[in-house]
Protein backbone atom coordinates (compact mmCIF):
# COMPACT_ATOMS: atom_id res chain seq x y z
CA MET A 1 -74.76 -4.34 115.47
CA LEU A 2 -71.90 -7.07 113.35
CA VAL A 3 -68.21 -5.99 112.76
CA PHE A 4 -65.85 -7.99 110.39
CA LYS A 5 -62.50 -7.34 110.27
CA THR A 6 -60.63 -7.75 106.69
CA ASP A 7 -57.71 -8.46 105.76
CA ILE A 8 -55.88 -5.09 106.13
CA LEU A 9 -55.13 -4.62 110.59
CA ASP A 10 -57.55 -2.32 111.75
CA LEU A 11 -60.11 -1.74 108.70
CA LEU A 12 -63.32 -2.60 110.00
CA VAL A 13 -66.54 -3.30 108.34
CA ILE A 14 -69.63 -2.56 110.34
CA GLU A 15 -73.34 -3.47 110.38
CA PRO A 16 -75.63 -1.65 112.29
CA LYS A 17 -78.89 -3.41 113.93
CA VAL A 18 -81.59 -2.04 112.14
CA PHE A 19 -84.88 -2.26 114.15
CA GLY A 20 -87.56 -2.22 111.24
CA ASP A 21 -92.02 -2.02 110.79
CA LYS A 22 -94.34 -0.85 108.94
CA ARG A 23 -93.62 2.82 109.83
CA GLY A 24 -89.93 2.28 108.18
CA TRP A 25 -86.79 1.89 110.45
CA PHE A 26 -84.09 2.93 112.73
CA TYR A 27 -80.67 2.44 114.09
CA GLU A 28 -77.76 3.68 115.62
CA THR A 29 -75.17 5.39 113.05
CA TYR A 30 -72.78 5.32 116.22
CA GLN A 31 -72.46 4.30 120.60
CA ALA A 32 -69.26 5.29 121.45
CA GLU A 33 -69.65 2.06 124.19
CA ARG A 34 -70.63 -0.19 121.91
CA TYR A 35 -68.25 0.75 119.29
CA SER A 36 -65.09 0.88 121.34
CA GLU A 37 -65.72 -2.66 122.09
CA TYR A 38 -64.31 -3.36 118.38
CA GLY A 39 -61.51 -0.79 118.85
CA VAL A 40 -63.17 1.65 117.57
CA SER A 41 -63.14 4.88 119.60
CA PRO A 42 -61.44 8.24 118.54
CA THR A 43 -62.85 11.73 119.38
CA PHE A 44 -64.14 12.77 116.79
CA VAL A 45 -64.10 16.34 115.71
CA GLN A 46 -65.60 16.51 112.59
CA ASP A 47 -68.98 15.50 110.88
CA ASN A 48 -69.02 15.88 107.56
CA LEU A 49 -72.13 14.81 104.20
CA SER A 50 -71.12 15.00 100.67
CA PHE A 51 -73.78 14.95 97.47
CA SER A 52 -72.06 13.14 94.26
CA LYS A 53 -73.63 12.08 90.66
CA LYS A 54 -72.98 9.25 89.36
CA GLY A 55 -69.83 8.22 87.62
CA THR A 56 -67.96 10.44 90.10
CA LEU A 57 -65.18 9.14 91.60
CA ARG A 58 -63.46 11.14 95.14
CA GLY A 59 -60.02 10.24 96.51
CA LEU A 60 -58.02 8.17 97.13
CA HIS A 61 -57.71 11.15 100.02
CA ILE A 62 -54.83 10.97 103.12
CA GLN A 63 -53.82 13.94 105.44
CA THR A 64 -50.96 15.25 108.27
CA PRO A 65 -51.77 14.83 110.07
CA CYS A 66 -54.71 11.98 109.31
CA GLN A 67 -57.96 11.30 109.85
CA GLY A 68 -59.38 8.37 110.88
CA LYS A 69 -62.99 8.36 109.80
CA LEU A 70 -66.11 6.41 110.19
CA VAL A 71 -68.18 6.49 106.70
CA GLN A 72 -71.65 5.06 105.58
CA VAL A 73 -74.09 6.46 102.52
CA ILE A 74 -77.25 8.09 103.73
CA ASP A 75 -78.57 7.97 100.06
CA GLY A 76 -77.79 5.84 97.01
CA GLU A 77 -74.84 3.21 96.69
CA ILE A 78 -71.22 3.45 96.08
CA TYR A 79 -67.95 1.51 95.69
CA ASP A 80 -65.86 2.39 98.49
CA VAL A 81 -62.08 2.27 98.64
CA ALA A 82 -59.17 2.45 101.87
CA VAL A 83 -55.40 1.85 100.96
CA ASP A 84 -52.85 1.29 104.14
CA LEU A 85 -50.36 3.84 103.95
CA ARG A 86 -48.82 3.32 107.07
CA LYS A 87 -45.05 2.31 106.35
CA GLU A 88 -45.01 0.51 109.64
CA SER A 89 -47.92 -1.91 108.79
CA PRO A 90 -46.90 -5.39 107.42
CA THR A 91 -50.01 -4.63 105.04
CA PHE A 92 -48.44 -0.96 103.62
CA GLY A 93 -49.89 -0.68 99.82
CA GLU A 94 -53.02 -3.07 100.07
CA TRP A 95 -56.65 -1.78 99.64
CA TYR A 96 -59.92 -2.93 100.70
CA GLY A 97 -62.95 -2.45 98.29
CA LEU A 98 -67.04 -2.69 99.57
CA LEU A 99 -70.16 -1.01 98.72
CA LEU A 100 -71.85 1.02 100.68
CA SER A 101 -75.84 1.93 100.18
CA SER A 102 -78.38 3.61 101.74
CA GLU A 103 -80.03 -0.03 101.48
CA ASN A 104 -77.42 -1.93 102.97
CA LYS A 105 -76.75 0.77 105.64
CA LYS A 106 -72.89 -1.32 106.28
CA GLN A 107 -70.54 1.34 108.03
CA PHE A 108 -66.42 1.43 106.94
CA TRP A 109 -64.03 2.16 109.64
CA ILE A 110 -60.99 3.59 108.16
CA PRO A 111 -58.35 4.53 111.20
CA GLU A 112 -55.78 6.69 110.46
CA GLY A 113 -53.13 6.52 108.53
CA PHE A 114 -54.86 4.63 105.22
CA ALA A 115 -55.94 6.83 101.79
CA HIS A 116 -59.50 6.58 101.11
CA GLY A 117 -62.52 7.20 97.82
CA PHE A 118 -64.98 6.09 96.13
CA TYR A 119 -66.84 6.07 93.00
CA VAL A 120 -70.43 6.39 92.82
CA LEU A 121 -72.57 3.85 91.01
CA SER A 122 -76.18 5.36 91.86
CA ASP A 123 -77.98 8.48 89.69
CA THR A 124 -76.43 10.51 93.51
CA ALA A 125 -74.96 9.81 96.76
CA ILE A 126 -74.79 11.31 99.59
CA PHE A 127 -71.96 10.18 102.14
CA SER A 128 -71.86 10.79 105.43
CA TYR A 129 -68.25 10.53 107.60
CA LYS A 130 -66.84 11.17 110.57
CA CYS A 131 -63.65 12.62 111.07
CA THR A 132 -61.55 11.81 114.05
CA ASN A 133 -59.18 15.27 112.69
CA TYR A 134 -60.27 18.63 111.47
CA TYR A 135 -59.53 18.89 107.38
CA SER A 136 -57.21 20.95 106.37
CA SER A 137 -56.82 21.71 102.15
CA GLU A 138 -52.94 22.61 103.37
CA LYS A 139 -52.52 18.98 104.77
CA GLU A 140 -54.31 16.70 102.29
CA GLN A 141 -52.48 14.72 99.65
CA THR A 142 -53.87 12.51 97.03
CA LEU A 143 -53.13 9.14 95.96
CA MET A 144 -53.44 8.46 91.71
CA TRP A 145 -56.79 6.29 92.12
CA ASN A 146 -55.72 4.54 88.82
CA ASP A 147 -52.20 3.83 90.24
CA PRO A 148 -51.62 0.24 88.31
CA GLU A 149 -48.96 -0.51 90.98
CA LEU A 150 -52.21 -1.02 93.80
CA GLY A 151 -54.37 -2.42 90.95
CA ILE A 152 -57.75 -1.21 92.46
CA SER A 153 -60.49 -2.65 90.71
CA TRP A 154 -62.47 0.24 90.19
CA PRO A 155 -66.25 -1.02 89.60
CA ILE A 156 -66.18 1.99 86.19
CA PRO A 157 -67.97 1.04 82.87
CA GLU A 158 -65.40 -0.42 80.32
CA ASN A 159 -64.99 2.92 77.97
CA GLY A 160 -65.81 5.12 80.82
CA SER A 161 -63.88 7.43 82.62
CA PRO A 162 -65.08 9.11 86.24
CA ILE A 163 -65.72 12.10 86.13
CA LEU A 164 -62.43 13.35 88.71
CA SER A 165 -61.37 17.29 90.06
CA PRO A 166 -58.06 18.12 89.08
CA LYS A 167 -56.63 17.26 92.69
CA ASP A 168 -57.73 13.56 91.72
CA LEU A 169 -56.35 14.02 88.49
CA ASN A 170 -53.20 14.92 89.69
CA GLY A 171 -52.47 11.91 92.20
CA LYS A 172 -49.18 10.92 92.92
CA PRO A 173 -48.30 7.33 92.88
CA LEU A 174 -47.60 4.54 95.56
CA SER A 175 -43.88 4.82 95.31
CA PHE A 176 -43.93 8.41 96.64
CA TRP A 177 -44.99 7.07 100.59
CA LYS A 178 -42.56 4.66 100.23
CA SER A 179 -39.31 6.62 100.74
């Protein structure tokens, strides 16, 4: 597999080795020993799948205690974003985004302390994520997806607006996490 470091500390893009022939393809979505060589060695306690329609924006979510996530698209294409909310980090408040799709098979390692969200580009998308902590709706918070201070370049069509849940409509600005 190929592992690429981003400009944000600990945030990794992973390209698994895909074995394909006339029958189709195969790849390992996670192998503890190999991933630990790159610093990804958490204990995963929960796996999630989500299905979303084109134009849906989910996020930017963070939970306390925090969850690390290894994410990938099973079917479709999304624009995936992580924002560093670790107060002690030199890249606090910085974001990184990339295209994840069933075609490119890339994975994104998002360590604990990051807000995470995605925007669906294909007609539908099935998104998978392995988590290092259990989900708790009471402990989840939402960072404002369109906070001008963040300046995230979401690939939303001009004059378009994303499909948002009520909690995503009411996200808090980055300044909330600064205090």
